Amino acid sequence: MPEKVLLGSNDIRRALSRITHEIIERNKGAENIVLVGIWTRGVYLARRVAGMIGDFEEISIPVGTLDIHRYRDDTPPIKLQAVSRSTSIPIDITDRQVVLVDDVLYTGRSIRAAMDALMDLGRPMSIHLAVLIDRGHRELPIRADYVGKNIPSSRGEDIHVHLKEVDGLDEVTIEGQVRDLAFMEKQR
């Protein structure tokens, strides 16, 4: 099944603007906030949100990058070395309001890994989660505090976030088709 475009560039911009306003409102400003993007697309989304907060609040928000691969419980060790990226957070996160930023929230395993990684770096006052897309299907009790768009999907579908910084365009697509679940179980 070909990819179907769910969100275009303007939709993504509006979703990020909504997330930005919600972050500012919930925190009564932005003075104590640190945005931390999860590699890869979460980093670029965090940078965009920081820019928007800067425009609205006229302050500079620190943005960090977080590599969660060594904290994953679902990736073989050999693959961890191949995809390792750097973690770089420009300030101490202790007693700060940390907003983790990611592109898609699915099972919750990436976010669990991200929280473990953050706790190795300091003790934040709080950790909130901002995601562009929440597609459901949690395996862990994790929920997003700020959601750009809820997109219900089946496990047989894939949601792809494309960003200009990585892919040359801004869009969210879905592809795949699920067969009857009873049929799929028989095939195992």
C-alpha atoms as a PDB file:
ATOM      1  CA  MET A   1       0.000   0.000   0.000  1.00  0.00           C
ATOM      2  CA  PRO A   2       1.476   3.395  -0.945  1.00  0.00           C
ATOM      3  CA  GLU A   3       2.146   6.062   1.633  1.00  0.00           C
ATOM      4  CA  LYS A   4      -0.726   8.395   2.411  1.00  0.00           C
ATOM      5  CA  VAL A   5       0.078  11.942   3.546  1.00  0.00           C
ATOM      6  CA  LEU A   6      -1.621  12.708   6.872  1.00  0.00           C
ATOM      7  CA  LEU A   7      -0.018  16.065   7.684  1.00  0.00           C
ATOM      8  CA  GLY A   8       1.664  18.602   5.464  1.00  0.00           C
ATOM      9  CA  SER A   9       4.108  21.376   6.273  1.00  0.00           C
ATOM     10  CA  ASN A  10       1.458  23.831   7.513  1.00  0.00           C
ATOM     11  CA  ASP A  11      -0.179  21.140   9.669  1.00  0.00           C
ATOM     12  CA  ILE A  12       3.160  20.366  11.330  1.00  0.00           C
ATOM     13  CA  ARG A  13       3.844  24.063  11.926  1.00  0.00           C
ATOM     14  CA  ARG A  14       0.409  24.521  13.538  1.00  0.00           C
ATOM     15  CA  ALA A  15       0.871  21.419  15.708  1.00  0.00           C
ATOM     16  CA  LEU A  16       4.263  22.648  16.928  1.00  0.00           C
ATOM     17  CA  SER A  17       2.827  26.089  17.610  1.00  0.00           C
ATOM     18  CA  ARG A  18       0.057  24.513  19.717  1.00  0.00           C
ATOM     19  CA  ILE A  19       2.607  22.419  21.631  1.00  0.00           C
ATOM     20  CA  THR A  20       4.716  25.542  22.204  1.00  0.00           C
ATOM     21  CA  HIS A  21       1.792  27.516  23.632  1.00  0.00           C
ATOM     22  CA  GLU A  22       0.792  24.612  25.881  1.00  0.00           C
ATOM     23  CA  ILE A  23       4.351  24.317  27.235  1.00  0.00           C
ATOM     24  CA  ILE A  24       4.442  28.042  28.019  1.00  0.00           C
ATOM     25  CA  GLU A  25       1.003  27.993  29.655  1.00  0.00           C
ATOM     26  CA  ARG A  26       1.589  24.887  31.768  1.00  0.00           C
ATOM     27  CA  ASN A  27       4.936  26.202  33.017  1.00  0.00           C
ATOM     28  CA  LYS A  28       3.740  29.803  33.464  1.00  0.00           C
ATOM     29  CA  GLY A  29       6.488  31.026  31.185  1.00  0.00           C
ATOM     30  CA  ALA A  30       9.687  29.394  30.027  1.00  0.00           C
ATOM     31  CA  GLU A  31      12.413  30.512  32.443  1.00  0.00           C
ATOM     32  CA  ASN A  32      13.216  27.082  33.935  1.00  0.00           C
ATOM     33  CA  ILE A  33      12.621  24.924  30.850  1.00  0.00           C
ATOM     34  CA  VAL A  34      15.152  22.767  29.038  1.00  0.00           C
ATOM     35  CA  LEU A  35      14.093  21.038  25.825  1.00  0.00           C
ATOM     36  CA  VAL A  36      15.770  17.698  25.107  1.00  0.00           C
ATOM     37  CA  GLY A  37      15.260  16.131  21.693  1.00  0.00           C
ATOM     38  CA  ILE A  38      15.597  12.402  21.167  1.00  0.00           C
ATOM     39  CA  TRP A  39      17.751  11.595  18.135  1.00  0.00           C
ATOM     40  CA  THR A  40      16.955  11.943  15.264  1.00  0.00           C
ATOM     41  CA  ARG A  41      13.783  13.847  14.488  1.00  0.00           C
ATOM     42  CA  GLY A  42      13.039  14.764  18.103  1.00  0.00           C
ATOM     43  CA  VAL A  43      16.176  16.905  18.071  1.00  0.00           C
ATOM     44  CA  TYR A  44      14.947  18.998  15.150  1.00  0.00           C
ATOM     45  CA  LEU A  45      11.448  19.284  16.582  1.00  0.00           C
ATOM     46  CA  ALA A  46      12.930  20.458  19.923  1.00  0.00           C
ATOM     47  CA  ARG A  47      14.965  23.106  18.100  1.00  0.00           C
ATOM     48  CA  ARG A  48      11.863  24.333  16.302  1.00  0.00           C
ATOM     49  CA  VAL A  49       9.843  24.512  19.523  1.00  0.00           C
ATOM     50  CA  ALA A  50      12.707  26.361  21.236  1.00  0.00           C
ATOM     51  CA  GLY A  51      12.695  28.886  18.398  1.00  0.00           C
ATOM     52  CA  MET A  52       8.960  29.402  18.772  1.00  0.00           C
ATOM     53  CA  ILE A  53       9.233  29.795  22.547  1.00  0.00           C
ATOM     54  CA  GLY A  54      12.009  32.323  21.953  1.00  0.00           C
ATOM     55  CA  ASP A  55       9.766  34.269  19.580  1.00  0.00           C
ATOM     56  CA  PHE A  56       6.795  34.274  21.984  1.00  0.00           C
ATOM     57  CA  GLU A  57       8.652  34.788  25.277  1.00  0.00           C
ATOM     58  CA  GLU A  58      11.720  36.655  23.989  1.00  0.00           C
ATOM     59  CA  ILE A  59      14.134  34.339  25.798  1.00  0.00           C
ATOM     60  CA  SER A  60      16.593  31.709  24.654  1.00  0.00           C
ATOM     61  CA  ILE A  61      15.701  28.153  25.647  1.00  0.00           C
ATOM     62  CA  PRO A  62      18.492  25.587  26.062  1.00  0.00           C
ATOM     63  CA  VAL A  63      18.125  22.592  23.760  1.00  0.00           C
ATOM     64  CA  GLY A  64      19.894  19.303  24.303  1.00  0.00           C
ATOM     65  CA  THR A  65      20.237  16.135  22.270  1.00  0.00           C
ATOM     66  CA  LEU A  66      19.775  12.679  23.734  1.00  0.00           C
ATOM     67  CA  ASP A  67      21.032   9.350  22.435  1.00  0.00           C
ATOM     68  CA  ILE A  68      18.931   6.598  23.991  1.00  0.00           C
ATOM     69  CA  HIS A  69      20.271   3.579  22.125  1.00  0.00           C
ATOM     70  CA  ARG A  70      22.311   2.081  24.960  1.00  0.00           C
ATOM     71  CA  TYR A  71      19.266   2.361  27.236  1.00  0.00           C
ATOM     72  CA  ARG A  72      16.943   0.453  24.884  1.00  0.00           C
ATOM     73  CA  ASP A  73      15.658  -2.929  25.997  1.00  0.00           C
ATOM     74  CA  ASP A  74      14.621  -3.994  22.506  1.00  0.00           C
ATOM     75  CA  THR A  75      17.774  -3.449  20.409  1.00  0.00           C
ATOM     76  CA  PRO A  76      20.538  -6.062  20.066  1.00  0.00           C
ATOM     77  CA  PRO A  77      23.939  -4.809  21.351  1.00  0.00           C
ATOM     78  CA  ILE A  78      25.586  -5.127  17.916  1.00  0.00           C
ATOM     79  CA  LYS A  79      23.079  -2.670  16.436  1.00  0.00           C
ATOM     80  CA  LEU A  80      23.616  -0.226  19.299  1.00  0.00           C
ATOM     81  CA  GLN A  81      27.181   0.503  18.233  1.00  0.00           C
ATOM     82  CA  ALA A  82      26.179   1.165  14.636  1.00  0.00           C
ATOM     83  CA  VAL A  83      23.609   3.885  15.462  1.00  0.00           C
ATOM     84  CA  SER A  84      25.177   5.592  18.467  1.00  0.00           C
ATOM     85  CA  ARG A  85      24.934   9.391  18.469  1.00  0.00           C
ATOM     86  CA  SER A  86      26.049  11.965  20.969  1.00  0.00           C
ATOM     87  CA  THR A  87      24.180  13.175  23.998  1.00  0.00           C
ATOM     88  CA  SER A  88      24.754  16.863  24.543  1.00  0.00           C
ATOM     89  CA  ILE A  89      22.815  18.951  27.029  1.00  0.00           C
ATOM     90  CA  PRO A  90      24.184  22.494  27.390  1.00  0.00           C
ATOM     91  CA  ILE A  91      23.231  22.973  31.068  1.00  0.00           C
ATOM     92  CA  ASP A  92      22.735  20.944  34.210  1.00  0.00           C
ATOM     93  CA  ILE A  93      19.197  19.525  34.202  1.00  0.00           C
ATOM     94  CA  THR A  94      19.015  19.229  37.990  1.00  0.00           C
ATOM     95  CA  ASP A  95      15.977  21.129  39.324  1.00  0.00           C
ATOM     96  CA  ARG A  96      14.910  22.099  35.792  1.00  0.00           C
ATOM     97  CA  GLN A  97      11.658  21.472  33.946  1.00  0.00           C
ATOM     98  CA  VAL A  98      12.792  19.083  31.217  1.00  0.00           C
ATOM     99  CA  VAL A  99      10.592  18.627  28.179  1.00  0.00           C
ATOM    100  CA  LEU A 100      11.541  15.513  26.206  1.00  0.00           C
ATOM    101  CA  VAL A 101      10.680  15.897  22.542  1.00  0.00           C
ATOM    102  CA  ASP A 102      10.150  13.053  20.077  1.00  0.00           C
ATOM    103  CA  ASP A 103       8.447  12.612  16.733  1.00  0.00           C
ATOM    104  CA  VAL A 104       6.184   9.571  17.326  1.00  0.00           C
ATOM    105  CA  LEU A 105       4.953   8.002  20.565  1.00  0.00           C
ATOM    106  CA  TYR A 106       4.168   4.340  20.019  1.00  0.00           C
ATOM    107  CA  THR A 107       4.951   1.595  22.577  1.00  0.00           C
ATOM    108  CA  GLY A 108       6.614   3.906  25.107  1.00  0.00           C
ATOM    109  CA  ARG A 109       9.924   2.035  25.111  1.00  0.00           C
ATOM    110  CA  SER A 110      11.886   4.935  23.603  1.00  0.00           C
ATOM    111  CA  ILE A 111      10.561   7.285  26.254  1.00  0.00           C
ATOM    112  CA  ARG A 112      11.394   4.855  29.075  1.00  0.00           C
ATOM    113  CA  ALA A 113      14.929   4.660  27.702  1.00  0.00           C
ATOM    114  CA  ALA A 114      15.087   8.464  27.458  1.00  0.00           C
ATOM    115  CA  MET A 115      14.018   8.898  31.078  1.00  0.00           C
ATOM    116  CA  ASP A 116      16.698   6.422  32.189  1.00  0.00           C
ATOM    117  CA  ALA A 117      19.291   8.359  30.195  1.00  0.00           C
ATOM    118  CA  LEU A 118      18.158  11.677  31.681  1.00  0.00           C
ATOM    119  CA  MET A 119      18.348  10.357  35.235  1.00  0.00           C
ATOM    120  CA  ASP A 120      21.990   9.449  34.615  1.00  0.00           C
ATOM    121  CA  LEU A 121      22.605  13.149  33.818  1.00  0.00           C
ATOM    122  CA  GLY A 122      20.890  14.760  36.828  1.00  0.00           C
ATOM    123  CA  ARG A 123      17.652  14.991  38.734  1.00  0.00           C
ATOM    124  CA  PRO A 124      15.147  17.215  36.932  1.00  0.00           C
ATOM    125  CA  MET A 125      12.337  18.907  38.848  1.00  0.00           C
ATOM    126  CA  SER A 126       9.995  17.265  36.350  1.00  0.00           C
ATOM    127  CA  ILE A 127      10.049  15.548  32.982  1.00  0.00           C
ATOM    128  CA  HIS A 128       7.276  16.251  30.501  1.00  0.00           C
ATOM    129  CA  LEU A 129       6.851  14.652  27.106  1.00  0.00           C
ATOM    130  CA  ALA A 130       6.046  16.446  23.855  1.00  0.00           C
ATOM    131  CA  VAL A 131       5.407  14.420  20.703  1.00  0.00           C
ATOM    132  CA  LEU A 132       4.338  15.429  17.255  1.00  0.00           C
ATOM    133  CA  ILE A 133       2.334  12.203  16.761  1.00  0.00           C
ATOM    134  CA  ASP A 134       0.718   9.867  19.302  1.00  0.00           C
ATOM    135  CA  ARG A 135      -0.312   6.674  17.527  1.00  0.00           C
ATOM    136  CA  GLY A 136      -1.336   4.550  20.528  1.00  0.00           C
ATOM    137  CA  HIS A 137      -0.397   0.905  21.229  1.00  0.00           C
ATOM    138  CA  ARG A 138       1.420   1.484  24.527  1.00  0.00           C
ATOM    139  CA  GLU A 139       3.348  -1.372  26.098  1.00  0.00           C
ATOM    140  CA  LEU A 140       4.374   0.766  29.080  1.00  0.00           C
ATOM    141  CA  PRO A 141       2.334   3.208  31.202  1.00  0.00           C
ATOM    142  CA  ILE A 142       3.605   6.327  29.453  1.00  0.00           C
ATOM    143  CA  ARG A 143       1.583   9.224  28.061  1.00  0.00           C
ATOM    144  CA  ALA A 144       2.479  12.470  26.365  1.00  0.00           C
ATOM    145  CA  ASP A 145       1.849  15.800  28.075  1.00  0.00           C
ATOM    146  CA  TYR A 146       1.859  17.693  24.785  1.00  0.00           C
ATOM    147  CA  VAL A 147       0.596  16.093  21.568  1.00  0.00           C
ATOM    148  CA  GLY A 148       0.580  17.657  18.119  1.00  0.00           C
ATOM    149  CA  LYS A 149      -1.824  15.097  16.646  1.00  0.00           C
ATOM    150  CA  ASN A 150      -3.382  11.821  17.775  1.00  0.00           C
ATOM    151  CA  ILE A 151      -3.368   9.392  14.870  1.00  0.00           C
ATOM    152  CA  PRO A 152      -4.968   6.048  15.685  1.00  0.00           C
ATOM    153  CA  SER A 153      -3.275   3.319  13.703  1.00  0.00           C
ATOM    154  CA  SER A 154      -2.974  -0.416  13.587  1.00  0.00           C
ATOM    155  CA  ARG A 155       0.211  -2.256  14.486  1.00  0.00           C
ATOM    156  CA  GLY A 156       0.601  -3.227  10.830  1.00  0.00           C
ATOM    157  CA  GLU A 157       0.826   0.368   9.716  1.00  0.00           C
ATOM    158  CA  ASP A 158       3.936   2.532   9.827  1.00  0.00           C
ATOM    159  CA  ILE A 159       3.863   6.245  10.518  1.00  0.00           C
ATOM    160  CA  HIS A 160       6.768   8.245   9.115  1.00  0.00           C
ATOM    161  CA  VAL A 161       7.653  11.790  10.110  1.00  0.00           C
ATOM    162  CA  HIS A 162       9.651  13.580   7.444  1.00  0.00           C
ATOM    163  CA  LEU A 163      11.390  16.827   8.387  1.00  0.00           C
ATOM    164  CA  LYS A 164      13.182  19.344   6.186  1.00  0.00           C
ATOM    165  CA  GLU A 165      16.371  19.095   8.231  1.00  0.00           C
ATOM    166  CA  VAL A 166      16.679  15.355   7.569  1.00  0.00           C
ATOM    167  CA  ASP A 167      14.425  14.488   4.647  1.00  0.00           C
ATOM    168  CA  GLY A 168      14.111  17.703   2.666  1.00  0.00           C
ATOM    169  CA  LEU A 169      10.367  18.154   3.324  1.00  0.00           C
ATOM    170  CA  ASP A 170       7.890  18.379   6.185  1.00  0.00           C
ATOM    171  CA  GLU A 171       5.129  15.779   6.203  1.00  0.00           C
ATOM    172  CA  VAL A 172       3.711  12.863   8.139  1.00  0.00           C
ATOM    173  CA  THR A 173       2.730   9.750   6.205  1.00  0.00           C
ATOM    174  CA  ILE A 174       1.195   6.385   6.958  1.00  0.00           C
ATOM    175  CA  GLU A 175       1.676   3.166   5.040  1.00  0.00           C
ATOM    176  CA  GLY A 176       0.831  -0.469   5.364  1.00  0.00           C
ATOM    177  CA  GLN A 177      -2.287  -2.491   5.675  1.00  0.00           C
ATOM    178  CA  VAL A 178      -3.346  -4.882   8.368  1.00  0.00           C
ATOM    179  CA  ARG A 179      -4.831  -8.225   7.541  1.00  0.00           C
ATOM    180  CA  ASP A 180      -7.452  -9.781   9.725  1.00  0.00           C
ATOM    181  CA  LEU A 181      -5.876 -10.254  13.192  1.00  0.00           C
ATOM    182  CA  ALA A 182      -7.133 -13.842  13.491  1.00  0.00           C
ATOM    183  CA  PHE A 183      -5.446 -14.636  10.164  1.00  0.00           C
ATOM    184  CA  MET A 184      -2.197 -13.060  11.373  1.00  0.00           C
ATOM    185  CA  GLU A 185      -2.244 -15.111  14.597  1.00  0.00           C
ATOM    186  CA  LYS A 186      -2.673 -18.344  12.621  1.00  0.00           C
ATOM    187  CA  GLN A 187       0.403 -17.477  10.556  1.00  0.00           C
ATOM    188  CA  ARG A 188       2.674 -17.406  13.639  1.00  0.00           C
END
